[in-house]
Structure formats: C-alpha cells, structure tokens
Amino acid sequence: MTTHPRLLTIVIPVYNEETFIDTIMERVLKVDLSKLGLSREIIVVDDHSTDRTPERLREWENRDGMRIIRHERNMGKGAALRTGFREATGDVVLVQDADLEYDPVDYPKLLEPIIAGAADVVFGSRFAGGEPHRVLYFWHYFGNRVLTLLSNMFTDLNLTDMETCYKVFRAEVLRELTIRENRFGIEPEITAKVARLARKEHYRIYEVGISYSGRTYREGKKITWKDGMRAVYCILKYNLLRS
C-alpha cells in the first residue's frame, strides 16, 4: 500500500547561472508545500560553475533546508542529477532546472497525482494542457517532438514531452534507477528505464501540462544539436540494450 509522502526533495543542477540563481531560489522557497502536507529539502548541485554562481550559492547554503554540493570538475547535468539523487532523503523527488524556463508555481499540479496515490512518476509537459509558453525556436520544438515520438515508439508510452526538465518520482522508483549519462542524454535514459520499470513493477506514469518560458542562447541556453544527436543514440541504447 502506498503511503502519503511527507518530505519532498527538490534537486537543482546548476552550471554558470549567476544571472538567474537568486530568482529561482526565491521562487522555489515561495511555494507553500504545507498545503500539500509536505515539508521539503533542497539539494543544489553546482557542476563546477566558473562564474559567480558559487559565490551566490554561499548566500543560500543552510537556509530553509537547503544543501549545496559542488563538483570538483564539470561533468554535465546528468552527473549533477546523479549526485543529487544519491543524497536525496525525501519520499518524493522533483527535478528543477536552475534557469527560469520552468516555474515552481507548477509544483502543486506536478505533485497532485502522487499525493492522491494515483501515480508513481509524473512528467511535466510543455505541450499539453494549454498552459502559457514563450514562443521561440521552431527547430527546437520540432526536435523535441521527433525525439519524444522516437522514444515513445520504443517505450510504448504516449508522452508528449520526453525531454522535459520536470520529472517527479516516488523515492522507491528512483532507488531502482541506475543513471549513467552525464549530460542531457539523461532524459531519454530515465524515460527508457522508467518505462521498463513500469512494465515490470506496474509503476504508474502520469503527465501534466506545465507553463514554459524558454530562453535564448544569448540568455544562456546550453543544449545544442549535438545533444539532440546524443539523445537519439540514448533512445536506441537504453531501449535496445537491457544490461
């Protein structure tokens, strides 16, 4: 029987986000989780930032249940999440990017299926639910849809946004995942492995619509076409190779 979660762990991978780090921390702390019956811990993993991000993070350390972990070298988003997942102690774990593309105001709708006992994993979709989103790059949108379609063909899921940042897990699901990708390939890797667990353990996957305020490369967007090619490789690798 699934118990009601009591502690939410928010894992925030960070790399060179001095412009946005204070704002995202304020937004995360502003969310009132008590209405959901949850307390929180925040684990920020600084992936060896070379700007003023470490200095800004020192101002937040130990505030409101926040822990800061710093990598000794830059390894990528996947590696940062792997560190954060390992340190998480919550009943539920939520991934939050450090930029302002994803708004923590969506936490209640992301958490509701898990709190209600209906879901074990929740994906937040930028393409479902009619929520506001910033209009930006067509080819990014097209690439996301193609990657999601390809992933769905192998996982037999009907997701609309595999590449989303917002993924929420019951802790018992996350404990069964072994993450190997160091960069953005973590998204198709997690999706493939969650789909396999869902078939084996009957875990329930939900998707909810979220708002999205994408940023430009001038504003610090980091993902490139090379990451898209890696995503194709990871879709094939983690769906076709079982070991």
Protein backbone atom coordinates (compact mmCIF):
# COMPACT_ATOMS: atom_id res chain seq x y z
CA MET A 1 0.00 0.00 0.00
CA THR A 2 1.35 3.42 -0.98
CA THR A 3 1.80 5.80 1.95
CA HIS A 4 1.21 9.54 1.85
CA PRO A 5 4.51 11.34 1.15
CA ARG A 6 5.77 13.68 3.87
CA LEU A 7 9.09 15.03 2.56
CA LEU A 8 9.78 16.43 -0.90
CA THR A 9 13.38 16.60 -2.15
CA ILE A 10 13.96 19.22 -4.84
CA VAL A 11 17.16 18.55 -6.79
CA ILE A 12 18.57 21.55 -8.69
CA PRO A 13 21.54 21.01 -11.05
CA VAL A 14 23.43 24.28 -11.60
CA TYR A 15 26.10 25.41 -14.02
CA ASN A 16 27.01 29.08 -14.62
CA GLU A 17 23.64 30.54 -13.62
CA GLU A 18 24.74 33.69 -11.77
CA THR A 19 22.08 35.73 -13.61
CA PHE A 20 19.15 33.57 -12.52
CA ILE A 21 20.22 31.67 -9.40
CA ASP A 22 18.84 34.09 -6.82
CA THR A 23 15.49 34.38 -8.59
CA ILE A 24 14.99 30.63 -8.96
CA MET A 25 15.86 30.07 -5.30
CA GLU A 26 13.32 32.68 -4.26
CA ARG A 27 10.66 31.09 -6.46
CA VAL A 28 11.34 27.60 -5.09
CA LEU A 29 11.14 28.81 -1.48
CA LYS A 30 7.98 30.75 -2.19
CA VAL A 31 5.97 27.61 -2.97
CA ASP A 32 3.80 26.74 0.04
CA LEU A 33 4.10 22.97 0.34
CA SER A 34 2.35 22.87 3.71
CA LYS A 35 -0.97 22.99 1.86
CA LEU A 36 0.02 19.67 0.31
CA GLY A 37 1.06 18.20 3.65
CA LEU A 38 4.74 18.24 2.67
CA SER A 39 7.96 19.55 4.12
CA ARG A 40 10.99 19.98 1.86
CA GLU A 41 14.71 19.66 1.43
CA ILE A 42 16.55 21.37 -1.41
CA ILE A 43 19.74 19.88 -2.84
CA VAL A 44 21.65 22.17 -5.19
CA VAL A 45 24.46 20.53 -7.16
CA ASP A 46 26.87 23.08 -8.60
CA ASP A 47 28.55 21.37 -11.55
CA HIS A 48 31.80 23.35 -11.12
CA SER A 49 30.50 26.74 -12.26
CA THR A 50 33.16 29.19 -13.38
CA ASP A 51 31.18 32.41 -12.95
CA ARG A 52 29.85 33.96 -9.72
CA THR A 53 27.34 31.15 -9.14
CA PRO A 54 29.35 29.55 -6.27
CA GLU A 55 29.56 32.93 -4.55
CA ARG A 56 25.81 33.45 -4.87
CA LEU A 57 25.09 29.92 -3.63
CA ARG A 58 27.09 30.50 -0.45
CA GLU A 59 24.48 33.10 0.46
CA TRP A 60 21.77 30.41 0.30
CA GLU A 61 23.55 27.48 1.95
CA ASN A 62 21.81 26.02 5.03
CA ARG A 63 18.82 28.32 4.52
CA ASP A 64 15.38 26.69 4.72
CA GLY A 65 16.65 23.13 4.41
CA MET A 66 18.99 23.87 1.51
CA ARG A 67 22.21 21.93 0.87
CA ILE A 68 24.87 22.93 -1.65
CA ILE A 69 27.10 20.27 -3.21
CA ARG A 70 29.93 21.31 -5.54
CA HIS A 71 31.54 19.08 -8.16
CA GLU A 72 35.31 19.35 -8.38
CA ARG A 73 35.06 19.33 -12.17
CA ASN A 74 32.33 19.97 -14.72
CA MET A 75 30.63 16.71 -15.68
CA GLY A 76 27.18 17.65 -17.01
CA LYS A 77 23.53 17.78 -15.97
CA GLY A 78 23.17 14.01 -15.76
CA ALA A 79 26.12 13.74 -13.38
CA ALA A 80 24.73 16.56 -11.24
CA LEU A 81 21.36 14.83 -11.00
CA ARG A 82 23.03 11.55 -10.14
CA THR A 83 24.74 13.27 -7.21
CA GLY A 84 21.51 14.92 -6.11
CA PHE A 85 19.50 11.71 -6.33
CA ARG A 86 22.09 9.88 -4.25
CA GLU A 87 21.84 12.49 -1.48
CA ALA A 88 18.04 12.80 -1.52
CA THR A 89 16.17 11.63 1.59
CA GLY A 90 12.62 12.61 0.58
CA ASP A 91 9.64 10.36 -0.09
CA VAL A 92 9.24 12.20 -3.40
CA VAL A 93 11.99 13.70 -5.57
CA LEU A 94 11.44 16.54 -8.04
CA VAL A 95 13.92 17.87 -10.63
CA GLN A 96 14.14 21.66 -11.02
CA ASP A 97 16.40 23.40 -13.55
CA ALA A 98 18.30 26.43 -12.26
CA ASP A 99 17.26 28.78 -15.06
CA LEU A 100 13.84 30.43 -15.28
CA GLU A 101 12.38 28.26 -18.05
CA TYR A 102 10.36 26.15 -15.59
CA ASP A 103 8.30 27.84 -12.89
CA PRO A 104 8.00 26.27 -9.41
CA VAL A 105 4.43 27.59 -9.27
CA ASP A 106 3.60 24.34 -11.10
CA TYR A 107 4.72 22.14 -8.18
CA PRO A 108 1.18 21.52 -6.84
CA LYS A 109 -0.11 20.19 -10.16
CA LEU A 110 3.03 18.05 -10.60
CA LEU A 111 2.71 16.59 -7.13
CA GLU A 112 -1.06 16.12 -7.01
CA PRO A 113 -1.18 12.72 -8.84
CA ILE A 114 1.45 11.32 -6.45
CA ILE A 115 -0.14 12.77 -3.32
CA ALA A 116 -3.50 11.40 -4.44
CA GLY A 117 -1.96 7.94 -4.72
CA ALA A 118 -2.64 7.74 -8.46
CA ALA A 119 0.93 7.99 -9.82
CA ASP A 120 4.48 6.89 -9.08
CA VAL A 121 6.18 9.07 -11.71
CA VAL A 122 4.98 12.37 -13.17
CA PHE A 123 6.27 14.14 -16.27
CA GLY A 124 5.55 17.84 -16.73
CA SER A 125 4.67 18.51 -20.37
CA ARG A 126 5.30 21.79 -22.17
CA PHE A 127 3.00 20.63 -24.96
CA ALA A 128 -0.09 19.52 -23.03
CA GLY A 129 -2.73 21.32 -21.03
CA GLY A 130 -2.81 24.69 -22.78
CA GLU A 131 -0.52 26.45 -20.29
CA PRO A 132 1.33 29.64 -21.35
CA HIS A 133 4.68 29.23 -23.06
CA ARG A 134 7.15 31.60 -24.64
CA VAL A 135 7.34 31.44 -28.44
CA LEU A 136 10.91 30.73 -29.56
CA TYR A 137 12.75 28.29 -31.82
CA PHE A 138 10.74 26.17 -34.29
CA TRP A 139 13.54 23.64 -34.79
CA HIS A 140 13.90 23.08 -31.05
CA TYR A 141 10.16 22.43 -30.84
CA PHE A 142 10.32 20.13 -33.88
CA GLY A 143 13.35 18.30 -32.49
CA ASN A 144 11.64 17.76 -29.15
CA ARG A 145 8.57 16.30 -30.82
CA VAL A 146 10.65 13.99 -33.02
CA LEU A 147 12.71 12.76 -30.06
CA THR A 148 9.56 12.18 -28.00
CA LEU A 149 7.95 10.26 -30.87
CA LEU A 150 11.04 8.10 -31.32
CA SER A 151 11.22 7.45 -27.58
CA ASN A 152 7.53 6.53 -27.46
CA MET A 153 7.97 4.06 -30.30
CA PHE A 154 10.48 2.11 -28.20
CA THR A 155 8.99 2.57 -24.71
CA ASP A 156 5.34 2.17 -25.80
CA LEU A 157 4.45 5.25 -23.73
CA ASN A 158 2.28 8.06 -25.06
CA LEU A 159 4.21 11.00 -23.62
CA THR A 160 4.03 14.40 -25.29
CA ASP A 161 7.31 15.75 -23.85
CA MET A 162 10.07 13.25 -23.07
CA GLU A 163 12.76 15.97 -22.91
CA THR A 164 11.06 17.93 -20.14
CA CYS A 165 13.01 19.04 -17.07
CA TYR A 166 10.09 18.45 -14.72
CA LYS A 167 10.11 14.84 -13.63
CA VAL A 168 8.82 13.74 -10.23
CA PHE A 169 9.43 10.33 -8.68
CA ARG A 170 8.38 8.40 -5.65
CA ALA A 171 11.66 7.59 -3.89
CA GLU A 172 11.21 3.84 -4.29
CA VAL A 173 11.12 4.25 -8.07
CA LEU A 174 14.25 6.39 -8.12
CA ARG A 175 16.13 3.86 -5.99
CA GLU A 176 15.67 1.31 -8.77
CA LEU A 177 17.19 3.58 -11.43
CA THR A 178 20.90 3.47 -12.23
CA ILE A 179 21.76 6.66 -14.13
CA ARG A 180 24.80 6.53 -16.41
CA GLU A 181 24.51 9.55 -18.74
CA ASN A 182 26.48 12.64 -17.74
CA ARG A 183 24.87 15.26 -19.98
CA PHE A 184 21.41 15.79 -21.46
CA GLY A 185 21.19 12.14 -22.51
CA ILE A 186 19.80 11.57 -19.03
CA GLU A 187 16.29 12.46 -20.26
CA PRO A 188 15.84 9.57 -22.72
CA GLU A 189 17.79 7.28 -20.38
CA ILE A 190 15.45 7.95 -17.46
CA THR A 191 12.39 7.61 -19.69
CA ALA A 192 13.52 4.26 -21.07
CA LYS A 193 14.33 2.88 -17.63
CA VAL A 194 11.14 4.19 -16.03
CA ALA A 195 9.10 2.61 -18.85
CA ARG A 196 10.83 -0.71 -18.26
CA LEU A 197 10.15 -0.50 -14.52
CA ALA A 198 6.52 0.39 -15.20
CA ARG A 199 6.11 -2.80 -17.19
CA LYS A 200 7.92 -4.90 -14.59
CA GLU A 201 6.72 -3.35 -11.33
CA HIS A 202 3.43 -1.84 -12.54
CA TYR A 203 4.51 1.68 -11.69
CA ARG A 204 2.05 4.32 -12.87
CA ILE A 205 3.25 7.20 -15.06
CA TYR A 206 1.28 10.44 -15.36
CA GLU A 207 1.81 13.59 -17.41
CA VAL A 208 0.51 17.08 -16.56
CA GLY A 209 0.65 20.32 -18.53
CA ILE A 210 3.07 23.00 -17.29
CA SER A 211 3.94 26.56 -18.27
CA TYR A 212 7.23 27.20 -20.06
CA SER A 213 9.37 30.29 -20.59
CA GLY A 214 12.19 29.13 -22.83
CA ARG A 215 15.34 31.19 -23.08
CA THR A 216 17.58 32.11 -26.00
CA TYR A 217 21.23 31.21 -26.41
CA ARG A 218 22.09 34.81 -25.58
CA GLU A 219 20.23 34.31 -22.30
CA GLY A 220 22.27 31.21 -21.52
CA LYS A 221 20.55 28.23 -23.15
CA LYS A 222 23.07 25.37 -23.24
CA ILE A 223 21.54 22.48 -25.20
CA THR A 224 22.68 22.14 -28.84
CA TRP A 225 22.08 19.94 -31.88
CA LYS A 226 24.87 17.66 -30.64
CA ASP A 227 22.78 16.89 -27.57
CA GLY A 228 19.90 16.04 -29.90
CA MET A 229 22.08 13.53 -31.71
CA ARG A 230 23.17 12.08 -28.37
CA ALA A 231 19.50 11.79 -27.39
CA VAL A 232 18.81 9.64 -30.47
CA TYR A 233 21.75 7.42 -29.53
CA CYS A 234 20.49 7.13 -25.94
CA ILE A 235 16.96 6.26 -27.04
CA LEU A 236 18.35 3.36 -29.03
CA LYS A 237 20.93 2.34 -26.44
CA TYR A 238 18.74 2.27 -23.35
CA ASN A 239 15.73 0.72 -25.03
CA LEU A 240 17.55 -1.94 -27.04
CA LEU A 241 20.33 -2.83 -24.60
CA ARG A 242 18.98 -4.30 -21.36
CA SER A 243 22.15 -4.61 -19.27
